[in-house]
């Protein structure tokens, strides 16, 4: 017969109470991992299915349906999509729109954010609210007055062949910069507020001008945030379809997202080729994310821990 000491009587309930939170944390960790796996599969499945459809011949798909095992896989849909839709021309249009729009947006947003976050005056909060409020306005609400405005604003010949802001690549750059500027100002201003003010104070003592403090002190410290925003802006502007079909009437001036429409006729649509073209169009955004991945993740992490 075993005897239980007084010490064991005291320790046993404590051990039981300590094991219960551990079990709960283990269950929560398992549920979190299961949830992340399910969400990952939900995101990857459409991409894998699009790739599977793009690799199948259209004749086989019409015969057996999309949800069926393939007899053979081919890259013919990718080559045909590249040739028939003239994707190279549309890709260059997307580059001409995306690169200047991203650079201008980050430049202007960083300037406004610097004034709002690093300078003290009466209207800095009101200015921040003004720029942020622009993101709350849906694009479809202003499309009619914006369309008429684009038809009324003249441009010199080297910016627009039509002589108007409408039906010009410059017009798409302007509208993308305008709609993305508010979000970037909001993010950068909050990020700049995490920079110690002693840095500016030391620069002022050394005789640094306002431009020097912005260009040589603040911008280098905001590199992770700028890289994260550059990744997001490239994805958003590159994938834009609404402004392209609304403010551009000439087909060969539209970005690459509009090239997919050239593969679909009024009565016949080769969905396998359209899937291949969509995958080709997604490659540049993947390349940008891979190149800026470290800076992008670093910017998100710093934004989550500071401020």
C-alpha atoms as a PDB file:
ATOM      1  CA  UNK A   1       0.000   0.000   0.000  1.00  0.00           C
ATOM      2  CA  UNK A   2       1.472   3.308  -1.130  1.00  0.00           C
ATOM      3  CA  UNK A   3       1.291   6.370   1.002  1.00  0.00           C
ATOM      4  CA  UNK A   4       0.810   9.872  -0.396  1.00  0.00           C
ATOM      5  CA  UNK A   5       2.758  12.579   1.308  1.00  0.00           C
ATOM      6  CA  UNK A   6       1.475  16.067   1.943  1.00  0.00           C
ATOM      7  CA  UNK A   7       3.883  17.490  -0.665  1.00  0.00           C
ATOM      8  CA  UNK A   8       2.532  15.191  -3.374  1.00  0.00           C
ATOM      9  CA  UNK A   9      -1.021  16.238  -2.514  1.00  0.00           C
ATOM     10  CA  UNK A  10      -0.059  19.871  -3.104  1.00  0.00           C
ATOM     11  CA  UNK A  11       1.980  19.297  -6.289  1.00  0.00           C
ATOM     12  CA  UNK A  12      -0.515  17.058  -8.105  1.00  0.00           C
ATOM     13  CA  UNK A  13      -3.272  19.717  -8.603  1.00  0.00           C
ATOM     14  CA  UNK A  14      -0.641  22.240  -9.721  1.00  0.00           C
ATOM     15  CA  UNK A  15       0.687  19.811 -12.342  1.00  0.00           C
ATOM     16  CA  UNK A  16      -2.821  19.162 -13.605  1.00  0.00           C
ATOM     17  CA  UNK A  17      -3.579  22.871 -13.876  1.00  0.00           C
ATOM     18  CA  UNK A  18      -0.295  23.459 -15.726  1.00  0.00           C
ATOM     19  CA  UNK A  19      -0.952  20.688 -18.243  1.00  0.00           C
ATOM     20  CA  UNK A  20      -4.396  22.004 -19.233  1.00  0.00           C
ATOM     21  CA  UNK A  21      -3.145  25.288 -20.806  1.00  0.00           C
ATOM     22  CA  UNK A  22      -0.427  23.326 -22.585  1.00  0.00           C
ATOM     23  CA  UNK A  23      -3.010  20.982 -24.099  1.00  0.00           C
ATOM     24  CA  UNK A  24      -5.139  23.936 -25.135  1.00  0.00           C
ATOM     25  CA  UNK A  25      -2.170  25.643 -26.802  1.00  0.00           C
ATOM     26  CA  UNK A  26      -1.318  22.423 -28.655  1.00  0.00           C
ATOM     27  CA  UNK A  27      -4.904  22.107 -29.901  1.00  0.00           C
ATOM     28  CA  UNK A  28      -4.917  25.748 -30.957  1.00  0.00           C
ATOM     29  CA  UNK A  29      -1.630  25.309 -32.806  1.00  0.00           C
ATOM     30  CA  UNK A  30      -2.952  22.277 -34.666  1.00  0.00           C
ATOM     31  CA  UNK A  31      -6.172  24.074 -35.613  1.00  0.00           C
ATOM     32  CA  UNK A  32      -4.168  27.069 -36.831  1.00  0.00           C
ATOM     33  CA  UNK A  33      -1.981  24.881 -39.022  1.00  0.00           C
ATOM     34  CA  UNK A  34      -5.007  23.079 -40.440  1.00  0.00           C
ATOM     35  CA  UNK A  35      -6.660  26.424 -41.184  1.00  0.00           C
ATOM     36  CA  UNK A  36      -3.544  27.731 -42.957  1.00  0.00           C
ATOM     37  CA  UNK A  37      -3.272  24.555 -45.032  1.00  0.00           C
ATOM     38  CA  UNK A  38      -6.917  24.819 -46.097  1.00  0.00           C
ATOM     39  CA  UNK A  39      -6.546  28.504 -47.033  1.00  0.00           C
ATOM     40  CA  UNK A  40      -3.346  27.767 -48.972  1.00  0.00           C
ATOM     41  CA  UNK A  41      -5.045  24.999 -50.932  1.00  0.00           C
ATOM     42  CA  UNK A  42      -8.004  27.297 -51.612  1.00  0.00           C
ATOM     43  CA  UNK A  43      -5.615  29.863 -53.140  1.00  0.00           C
ATOM     44  CA  UNK A  44      -3.429  27.427 -55.071  1.00  0.00           C
ATOM     45  CA  UNK A  45      -6.163  25.161 -56.484  1.00  0.00           C
ATOM     46  CA  UNK A  46      -7.532  27.678 -59.062  1.00  0.00           C
ATOM     47  CA  UNK A  47      -3.998  28.424 -60.284  1.00  0.00           C
ATOM     48  CA  UNK A  48      -3.146  24.746 -60.642  1.00  0.00           C
ATOM     49  CA  UNK A  49      -6.449  24.095 -62.405  1.00  0.00           C
ATOM     50  CA  UNK A  50      -5.801  26.998 -64.811  1.00  0.00           C
ATOM     51  CA  UNK A  51      -2.360  25.557 -65.544  1.00  0.00           C
ATOM     52  CA  UNK A  52      -3.896  22.125 -66.137  1.00  0.00           C
ATOM     53  CA  UNK A  53      -6.479  23.578 -68.523  1.00  0.00           C
ATOM     54  CA  UNK A  54      -3.822  25.624 -70.338  1.00  0.00           C
ATOM     55  CA  UNK A  55      -1.735  22.496 -70.983  1.00  0.00           C
ATOM     56  CA  UNK A  56      -4.621  20.513 -72.509  1.00  0.00           C
ATOM     57  CA  UNK A  57      -5.637  20.699 -76.202  1.00  0.00           C
ATOM     58  CA  UNK A  58      -9.000  22.361 -76.765  1.00  0.00           C
ATOM     59  CA  UNK A  59     -10.253  19.390 -78.774  1.00  0.00           C
ATOM     60  CA  UNK A  60      -9.700  17.054 -75.843  1.00  0.00           C
ATOM     61  CA  UNK A  61     -11.397  19.442 -73.442  1.00  0.00           C
ATOM     62  CA  UNK A  62     -14.435  19.807 -75.710  1.00  0.00           C
ATOM     63  CA  UNK A  63     -14.704  16.030 -75.944  1.00  0.00           C
ATOM     64  CA  UNK A  64     -14.151  15.000 -72.323  1.00  0.00           C
ATOM     65  CA  UNK A  65     -14.893  18.187 -70.375  1.00  0.00           C
ATOM     66  CA  UNK A  66     -12.679  20.234 -68.115  1.00  0.00           C
ATOM     67  CA  UNK A  67     -12.898  17.890 -65.123  1.00  0.00           C
ATOM     68  CA  UNK A  68     -11.303  14.824 -66.703  1.00  0.00           C
ATOM     69  CA  UNK A  69      -7.913  13.176 -67.025  1.00  0.00           C
ATOM     70  CA  UNK A  70      -5.783  14.456 -69.883  1.00  0.00           C
ATOM     71  CA  UNK A  71      -4.508  12.124 -72.583  1.00  0.00           C
ATOM     72  CA  UNK A  72      -1.615  14.435 -73.376  1.00  0.00           C
ATOM     73  CA  UNK A  73      -0.237  17.820 -72.352  1.00  0.00           C
ATOM     74  CA  UNK A  74       1.154  20.442 -74.717  1.00  0.00           C
ATOM     75  CA  UNK A  75       2.514  23.997 -74.743  1.00  0.00           C
ATOM     76  CA  UNK A  76       0.670  24.869 -77.952  1.00  0.00           C
ATOM     77  CA  UNK A  77      -1.883  27.022 -76.114  1.00  0.00           C
ATOM     78  CA  UNK A  78       0.883  29.228 -74.704  1.00  0.00           C
ATOM     79  CA  UNK A  79       2.532  29.791 -78.086  1.00  0.00           C
ATOM     80  CA  UNK A  80      -0.804  30.388 -79.829  1.00  0.00           C
ATOM     81  CA  UNK A  81      -1.921  32.822 -77.126  1.00  0.00           C
ATOM     82  CA  UNK A  82       1.323  34.770 -77.430  1.00  0.00           C
ATOM     83  CA  UNK A  83       1.002  35.047 -81.219  1.00  0.00           C
ATOM     84  CA  UNK A  84      -2.731  35.528 -81.728  1.00  0.00           C
ATOM     85  CA  UNK A  85      -3.228  38.150 -79.012  1.00  0.00           C
ATOM     86  CA  UNK A  86      -0.026  40.099 -79.846  1.00  0.00           C
ATOM     87  CA  UNK A  87       0.835  40.004 -76.158  1.00  0.00           C
ATOM     88  CA  UNK A  88       4.259  41.548 -76.666  1.00  0.00           C
ATOM     89  CA  UNK A  89       2.684  44.851 -77.752  1.00  0.00           C
ATOM     90  CA  UNK A  90       0.285  44.854 -74.813  1.00  0.00           C
ATOM     91  CA  UNK A  91       3.061  43.904 -72.438  1.00  0.00           C
ATOM     92  CA  UNK A  92       5.090  46.950 -73.515  1.00  0.00           C
ATOM     93  CA  UNK A  93       2.001  49.114 -72.984  1.00  0.00           C
ATOM     94  CA  UNK A  94       1.717  47.744 -69.442  1.00  0.00           C
ATOM     95  CA  UNK A  95       5.380  48.553 -68.823  1.00  0.00           C
ATOM     96  CA  UNK A  96       4.924  52.102 -70.135  1.00  0.00           C
ATOM     97  CA  UNK A  97       1.987  52.544 -67.745  1.00  0.00           C
ATOM     98  CA  UNK A  98       3.125  50.653 -64.644  1.00  0.00           C
ATOM     99  CA  UNK A  99       6.739  51.804 -64.256  1.00  0.00           C
ATOM    100  CA  UNK A 100       6.118  55.595 -64.440  1.00  0.00           C
ATOM    101  CA  UNK A 101       2.938  55.283 -62.358  1.00  0.00           C
ATOM    102  CA  UNK A 102       4.715  53.401 -59.558  1.00  0.00           C
ATOM    103  CA  UNK A 103       7.682  55.789 -59.512  1.00  0.00           C
ATOM    104  CA  UNK A 104       5.499  58.918 -59.530  1.00  0.00           C
ATOM    105  CA  UNK A 105       3.165  57.538 -56.870  1.00  0.00           C
ATOM    106  CA  UNK A 106       5.983  56.668 -54.480  1.00  0.00           C
ATOM    107  CA  UNK A 107       7.766  59.966 -55.114  1.00  0.00           C
ATOM    108  CA  UNK A 108       4.718  62.152 -54.534  1.00  0.00           C
ATOM    109  CA  UNK A 109       3.443  60.040 -51.645  1.00  0.00           C
ATOM    110  CA  UNK A 110       6.804  60.137 -49.876  1.00  0.00           C
ATOM    111  CA  UNK A 111       6.895  63.925 -50.171  1.00  0.00           C
ATOM    112  CA  UNK A 112       3.395  64.375 -48.794  1.00  0.00           C
ATOM    113  CA  UNK A 113       4.006  61.818 -46.041  1.00  0.00           C
ATOM    114  CA  UNK A 114       7.227  63.583 -45.043  1.00  0.00           C
ATOM    115  CA  UNK A 115       5.397  66.882 -44.654  1.00  0.00           C
ATOM    116  CA  UNK A 116       2.532  65.269 -42.728  1.00  0.00           C
ATOM    117  CA  UNK A 117       4.643  63.083 -40.448  1.00  0.00           C
ATOM    118  CA  UNK A 118       7.887  65.020 -39.903  1.00  0.00           C
ATOM    119  CA  UNK A 119       6.710  68.645 -39.857  1.00  0.00           C
ATOM    120  CA  UNK A 120       4.456  70.256 -37.278  1.00  0.00           C
ATOM    121  CA  UNK A 121       1.772  72.602 -38.550  1.00  0.00           C
ATOM    122  CA  UNK A 122      -1.962  73.028 -38.116  1.00  0.00           C
ATOM    123  CA  UNK A 123      -3.242  71.245 -41.208  1.00  0.00           C
ATOM    124  CA  UNK A 124      -1.130  68.064 -41.282  1.00  0.00           C
ATOM    125  CA  UNK A 125      -3.909  65.851 -39.905  1.00  0.00           C
ATOM    126  CA  UNK A 126      -6.475  67.441 -42.222  1.00  0.00           C
ATOM    127  CA  UNK A 127      -4.155  66.872 -45.182  1.00  0.00           C
ATOM    128  CA  UNK A 128      -3.694  63.220 -44.235  1.00  0.00           C
ATOM    129  CA  UNK A 129      -7.460  62.741 -43.954  1.00  0.00           C
ATOM    130  CA  UNK A 130      -7.945  64.428 -47.344  1.00  0.00           C
ATOM    131  CA  UNK A 131      -5.529  62.081 -49.100  1.00  0.00           C
ATOM    132  CA  UNK A 132      -6.877  59.026 -47.300  1.00  0.00           C
ATOM    133  CA  UNK A 133     -10.501  59.878 -48.068  1.00  0.00           C
ATOM    134  CA  UNK A 134      -9.793  59.524 -51.777  1.00  0.00           C
ATOM    135  CA  UNK A 135      -9.499  55.765 -51.341  1.00  0.00           C
ATOM    136  CA  UNK A 136     -13.047  55.567 -50.008  1.00  0.00           C
ATOM    137  CA  UNK A 137     -14.545  56.763 -53.299  1.00  0.00           C
ATOM    138  CA  UNK A 138     -15.484  53.899 -55.673  1.00  0.00           C
ATOM    139  CA  UNK A 139     -14.101  54.177 -59.173  1.00  0.00           C
ATOM    140  CA  UNK A 140     -17.478  53.561 -60.812  1.00  0.00           C
ATOM    141  CA  UNK A 141     -19.009  56.596 -59.104  1.00  0.00           C
ATOM    142  CA  UNK A 142     -16.830  59.157 -60.886  1.00  0.00           C
ATOM    143  CA  UNK A 143     -16.450  57.429 -64.236  1.00  0.00           C
ATOM    144  CA  UNK A 144     -18.978  59.651 -66.070  1.00  0.00           C
ATOM    145  CA  UNK A 145     -17.552  63.065 -65.053  1.00  0.00           C
ATOM    146  CA  UNK A 146     -14.027  61.676 -65.375  1.00  0.00           C
ATOM    147  CA  UNK A 147     -14.768  60.461 -68.899  1.00  0.00           C
ATOM    148  CA  UNK A 148     -16.038  63.910 -69.906  1.00  0.00           C
ATOM    149  CA  UNK A 149     -13.026  65.518 -68.230  1.00  0.00           C
ATOM    150  CA  UNK A 150     -10.638  63.347 -70.214  1.00  0.00           C
ATOM    151  CA  UNK A 151     -12.392  64.360 -73.429  1.00  0.00           C
ATOM    152  CA  UNK A 152     -12.006  68.065 -72.577  1.00  0.00           C
ATOM    153  CA  UNK A 153      -8.338  68.211 -71.476  1.00  0.00           C
ATOM    154  CA  UNK A 154      -5.871  68.735 -74.371  1.00  0.00           C
ATOM    155  CA  UNK A 155      -2.351  67.311 -74.413  1.00  0.00           C
ATOM    156  CA  UNK A 156       0.654  68.011 -76.643  1.00  0.00           C
ATOM    157  CA  UNK A 157       1.356  65.608 -79.456  1.00  0.00           C
ATOM    158  CA  UNK A 158       4.309  63.872 -77.804  1.00  0.00           C
ATOM    159  CA  UNK A 159       2.058  62.792 -74.893  1.00  0.00           C
ATOM    160  CA  UNK A 160      -1.040  61.851 -76.870  1.00  0.00           C
ATOM    161  CA  UNK A 161      -1.573  61.125 -80.533  1.00  0.00           C
ATOM    162  CA  UNK A 162      -5.230  62.082 -80.204  1.00  0.00           C
ATOM    163  CA  UNK A 163      -4.342  65.437 -78.638  1.00  0.00           C
ATOM    164  CA  UNK A 164      -6.521  64.659 -75.600  1.00  0.00           C
ATOM    165  CA  UNK A 165      -6.037  63.077 -72.210  1.00  0.00           C
ATOM    166  CA  UNK A 166      -8.516  60.424 -73.371  1.00  0.00           C
ATOM    167  CA  UNK A 167      -7.130  57.464 -75.309  1.00  0.00           C
ATOM    168  CA  UNK A 168      -3.558  58.049 -74.142  1.00  0.00           C
ATOM    169  CA  UNK A 169      -1.114  56.091 -72.005  1.00  0.00           C
ATOM    170  CA  UNK A 170      -0.360  59.295 -70.120  1.00  0.00           C
ATOM    171  CA  UNK A 171      -4.026  59.466 -69.110  1.00  0.00           C
ATOM    172  CA  UNK A 172      -3.847  55.985 -67.573  1.00  0.00           C
ATOM    173  CA  UNK A 173      -0.702  56.955 -65.682  1.00  0.00           C
ATOM    174  CA  UNK A 174      -2.444  60.032 -64.257  1.00  0.00           C
ATOM    175  CA  UNK A 175      -5.534  58.161 -63.079  1.00  0.00           C
ATOM    176  CA  UNK A 176      -3.542  55.330 -61.500  1.00  0.00           C
ATOM    177  CA  UNK A 177      -1.292  57.768 -59.652  1.00  0.00           C
ATOM    178  CA  UNK A 178      -4.317  59.704 -58.436  1.00  0.00           C
ATOM    179  CA  UNK A 179      -6.128  56.668 -57.046  1.00  0.00           C
ATOM    180  CA  UNK A 180      -3.093  55.022 -55.440  1.00  0.00           C
ATOM    181  CA  UNK A 181      -1.639  58.165 -53.903  1.00  0.00           C
ATOM    182  CA  UNK A 182      -3.903  58.277 -50.845  1.00  0.00           C
ATOM    183  CA  UNK A 183      -3.131  54.755 -49.686  1.00  0.00           C
ATOM    184  CA  UNK A 184       0.618  55.272 -50.082  1.00  0.00           C
ATOM    185  CA  UNK A 185       0.520  58.561 -48.160  1.00  0.00           C
ATOM    186  CA  UNK A 186      -1.326  56.853 -45.319  1.00  0.00           C
ATOM    187  CA  UNK A 187       1.164  53.961 -45.108  1.00  0.00           C
ATOM    188  CA  UNK A 188       4.310  56.064 -45.468  1.00  0.00           C
ATOM    189  CA  UNK A 189       3.190  58.739 -43.014  1.00  0.00           C
ATOM    190  CA  UNK A 190       2.545  56.130 -40.330  1.00  0.00           C
ATOM    191  CA  UNK A 191       5.896  54.525 -41.072  1.00  0.00           C
ATOM    192  CA  UNK A 192       7.762  57.847 -40.925  1.00  0.00           C
ATOM    193  CA  UNK A 193       6.243  58.585 -37.531  1.00  0.00           C
ATOM    194  CA  UNK A 194       8.178  55.599 -36.139  1.00  0.00           C
ATOM    195  CA  UNK A 195      11.499  57.239 -37.061  1.00  0.00           C
ATOM    196  CA  UNK A 196      13.006  58.893 -33.960  1.00  0.00           C
ATOM    197  CA  UNK A 197      12.659  62.686 -34.110  1.00  0.00           C
ATOM    198  CA  UNK A 198      16.179  63.049 -32.693  1.00  0.00           C
ATOM    199  CA  UNK A 199      17.505  62.230 -36.171  1.00  0.00           C
ATOM    200  CA  UNK A 200      15.884  65.333 -37.632  1.00  0.00           C
ATOM    201  CA  UNK A 201      16.944  67.423 -34.661  1.00  0.00           C
ATOM    202  CA  UNK A 202      20.571  66.391 -35.112  1.00  0.00           C
ATOM    203  CA  UNK A 203      20.350  67.132 -38.848  1.00  0.00           C
ATOM    204  CA  UNK A 204      18.919  70.600 -38.173  1.00  0.00           C
ATOM    205  CA  UNK A 205      21.759  71.327 -35.744  1.00  0.00           C
ATOM    206  CA  UNK A 206      24.223  70.320 -38.482  1.00  0.00           C
ATOM    207  CA  UNK A 207      22.563  72.776 -40.855  1.00  0.00           C
ATOM    208  CA  UNK A 208      20.732  70.256 -43.078  1.00  0.00           C
ATOM    209  CA  UNK A 209      18.006  71.726 -45.242  1.00  0.00           C
ATOM    210  CA  UNK A 210      14.482  70.363 -45.524  1.00  0.00           C
ATOM    211  CA  UNK A 211      15.285  68.712 -48.851  1.00  0.00           C
ATOM    212  CA  UNK A 212      18.432  67.085 -47.401  1.00  0.00           C
ATOM    213  CA  UNK A 213      16.498  65.686 -44.448  1.00  0.00           C
ATOM    214  CA  UNK A 214      13.926  64.232 -46.813  1.00  0.00           C
ATOM    215  CA  UNK A 215      16.293  62.817 -49.430  1.00  0.00           C
ATOM    216  CA  UNK A 216      19.313  61.716 -47.395  1.00  0.00           C
ATOM    217  CA  UNK A 217      17.749  60.793 -44.042  1.00  0.00           C
ATOM    218  CA  UNK A 218      14.088  59.859 -44.335  1.00  0.00           C
ATOM    219  CA  UNK A 219      13.976  58.074 -47.681  1.00  0.00           C
ATOM    220  CA  UNK A 220      16.809  55.608 -46.918  1.00  0.00           C
ATOM    221  CA  UNK A 221      15.127  54.694 -43.619  1.00  0.00           C
ATOM    222  CA  UNK A 222      11.828  54.091 -45.451  1.00  0.00           C
ATOM    223  CA  UNK A 223      13.317  51.674 -47.975  1.00  0.00           C
ATOM    224  CA  UNK A 224      11.452  48.578 -46.638  1.00  0.00           C
ATOM    225  CA  UNK A 225       8.124  50.409 -46.715  1.00  0.00           C
ATOM    226  CA  UNK A 226       8.811  51.746 -50.203  1.00  0.00           C
ATOM    227  CA  UNK A 227       9.696  48.252 -51.434  1.00  0.00           C
ATOM    228  CA  UNK A 228       6.501  46.812 -49.963  1.00  0.00           C
ATOM    229  CA  UNK A 229       4.412  49.550 -51.574  1.00  0.00           C
ATOM    230  CA  UNK A 230       6.240  49.147 -54.885  1.00  0.00           C
ATOM    231  CA  UNK A 231       5.310  45.464 -54.923  1.00  0.00           C
ATOM    232  CA  UNK A 232       1.661  46.188 -54.186  1.00  0.00           C
ATOM    233  CA  UNK A 233       1.444  49.072 -56.658  1.00  0.00           C
ATOM    234  CA  UNK A 234       3.017  47.046 -59.442  1.00  0.00           C
ATOM    235  CA  UNK A 235       0.464  44.292 -58.912  1.00  0.00           C
ATOM    236  CA  UNK A 236      -2.516  46.644 -58.739  1.00  0.00           C
ATOM    237  CA  UNK A 237      -1.606  48.901 -61.664  1.00  0.00           C
ATOM    238  CA  UNK A 238      -0.363  46.075 -63.882  1.00  0.00           C
ATOM    239  CA  UNK A 239      -3.584  44.108 -63.349  1.00  0.00           C
ATOM    240  CA  UNK A 240      -5.883  47.086 -63.886  1.00  0.00           C
ATOM    241  CA  UNK A 241      -8.649  46.431 -66.386  1.00  0.00           C
ATOM    242  CA  UNK A 242     -11.387  48.936 -65.544  1.00  0.00           C
ATOM    243  CA  UNK A 243      -9.551  52.135 -66.448  1.00  0.00           C
ATOM    244  CA  UNK A 244      -7.997  50.543 -69.544  1.00  0.00           C
ATOM    245  CA  UNK A 245     -11.298  49.637 -71.183  1.00  0.00           C
ATOM    246  CA  UNK A 246     -12.941  52.905 -70.112  1.00  0.00           C
ATOM    247  CA  UNK A 247     -10.334  55.551 -70.911  1.00  0.00           C
ATOM    248  CA  UNK A 248      -8.654  53.847 -73.908  1.00  0.00           C
ATOM    249  CA  UNK A 249     -10.548  53.324 -77.159  1.00  0.00           C
ATOM    250  CA  UNK A 250      -7.703  52.131 -79.396  1.00  0.00           C
ATOM    251  CA  UNK A 251      -7.060  48.438 -78.869  1.00  0.00           C
ATOM    252  CA  UNK A 252      -3.317  48.420 -79.453  1.00  0.00           C
ATOM    253  CA  UNK A 253      -2.784  51.037 -76.720  1.00  0.00           C
ATOM    254  CA  UNK A 254      -4.393  49.027 -73.947  1.00  0.00           C
ATOM    255  CA  UNK A 255      -2.379  47.102 -71.313  1.00  0.00           C
ATOM    256  CA  UNK A 256      -1.831  43.370 -71.242  1.00  0.00           C
ATOM    257  CA  UNK A 257      -4.999  42.646 -69.285  1.00  0.00           C
ATOM    258  CA  UNK A 258      -6.957  43.761 -72.332  1.00  0.00           C
ATOM    259  CA  UNK A 259      -5.077  41.288 -74.545  1.00  0.00           C
ATOM    260  CA  UNK A 260      -7.134  38.480 -73.050  1.00  0.00           C
ATOM    261  CA  UNK A 261     -10.251  39.965 -74.627  1.00  0.00           C
ATOM    262  CA  UNK A 262      -8.707  39.533 -78.099  1.00  0.00           C
ATOM    263  CA  UNK A 263      -8.771  35.751 -77.637  1.00  0.00           C
ATOM    264  CA  UNK A 264     -12.536  35.623 -77.147  1.00  0.00           C
ATOM    265  CA  UNK A 265     -14.923  36.050 -80.032  1.00  0.00           C
ATOM    266  CA  UNK A 266     -18.650  36.707 -80.027  1.00  0.00           C
ATOM    267  CA  UNK A 267     -19.657  33.069 -80.467  1.00  0.00           C
ATOM    268  CA  UNK A 268     -16.446  31.067 -79.903  1.00  0.00           C
ATOM    269  CA  UNK A 269     -14.108  31.163 -76.911  1.00  0.00           C
ATOM    270  CA  UNK A 270     -11.027  28.999 -76.505  1.00  0.00           C
ATOM    271  CA  UNK A 271     -10.879  28.848 -72.712  1.00  0.00           C
ATOM    272  CA  UNK A 272      -7.695  26.768 -72.788  1.00  0.00           C
ATOM    273  CA  UNK A 273      -5.874  29.499 -74.701  1.00  0.00           C
ATOM    274  CA  UNK A 274      -7.345  32.190 -72.454  1.00  0.00           C
ATOM    275  CA  UNK A 275      -6.057  30.309 -69.398  1.00  0.00           C
ATOM    276  CA  UNK A 276      -2.607  30.123 -70.988  1.00  0.00           C
ATOM    277  CA  UNK A 277      -2.651  33.854 -71.773  1.00  0.00           C
ATOM    278  CA  UNK A 278      -3.713  34.677 -68.217  1.00  0.00           C
ATOM    279  CA  UNK A 279      -0.792  32.681 -66.825  1.00  0.00           C
ATOM    280  CA  UNK A 280       1.615  34.440 -69.178  1.00  0.00           C
ATOM    281  CA  UNK A 281       0.247  37.821 -68.093  1.00  0.00           C
ATOM    282  CA  UNK A 282       0.828  36.928 -64.440  1.00  0.00           C
ATOM    283  CA  UNK A 283       4.545  36.193 -64.869  1.00  0.00           C
ATOM    284  CA  UNK A 284       5.841  39.820 -64.532  1.00  0.00           C
ATOM    285  CA  UNK A 285       4.075  40.361 -61.203  1.00  0.00           C
ATOM    286  CA  UNK A 286       5.553  37.118 -59.883  1.00  0.00           C
ATOM    287  CA  UNK A 287       9.014  38.237 -60.983  1.00  0.00           C
ATOM    288  CA  UNK A 288       8.597  41.580 -59.198  1.00  0.00           C
ATOM    289  CA  UNK A 289       7.474  39.850 -56.012  1.00  0.00           C
ATOM    290  CA  UNK A 290      10.419  37.431 -56.097  1.00  0.00           C
ATOM    291  CA  UNK A 291      12.906  40.268 -56.611  1.00  0.00           C
ATOM    292  CA  UNK A 292      11.438  42.396 -53.806  1.00  0.00           C
ATOM    293  CA  UNK A 293      10.372  39.548 -51.541  1.00  0.00           C
ATOM    294  CA  UNK A 294      12.868  40.198 -48.740  1.00  0.00           C
ATOM    295  CA  UNK A 295      12.205  43.929 -48.688  1.00  0.00           C
ATOM    296  CA  UNK A 296       8.458  43.324 -48.919  1.00  0.00           C
ATOM    297  CA  UNK A 297       8.371  40.959 -45.931  1.00  0.00           C
ATOM    298  CA  UNK A 298      10.728  43.212 -43.988  1.00  0.00           C
ATOM    299  CA  UNK A 299       8.476  46.192 -44.616  1.00  0.00           C
ATOM    300  CA  UNK A 300       5.405  44.313 -43.429  1.00  0.00           C
ATOM    301  CA  UNK A 301       7.200  43.051 -40.331  1.00  0.00           C
ATOM    302  CA  UNK A 302       8.513  46.478 -39.363  1.00  0.00           C
ATOM    303  CA  UNK A 303       5.112  48.005 -39.941  1.00  0.00           C
ATOM    304  CA  UNK A 304       3.578  45.446 -37.604  1.00  0.00           C
ATOM    305  CA  UNK A 305       6.012  45.957 -34.731  1.00  0.00           C
ATOM    306  CA  UNK A 306       6.601  49.708 -34.776  1.00  0.00           C
ATOM    307  CA  UNK A 307       4.254  52.494 -33.862  1.00  0.00           C
END
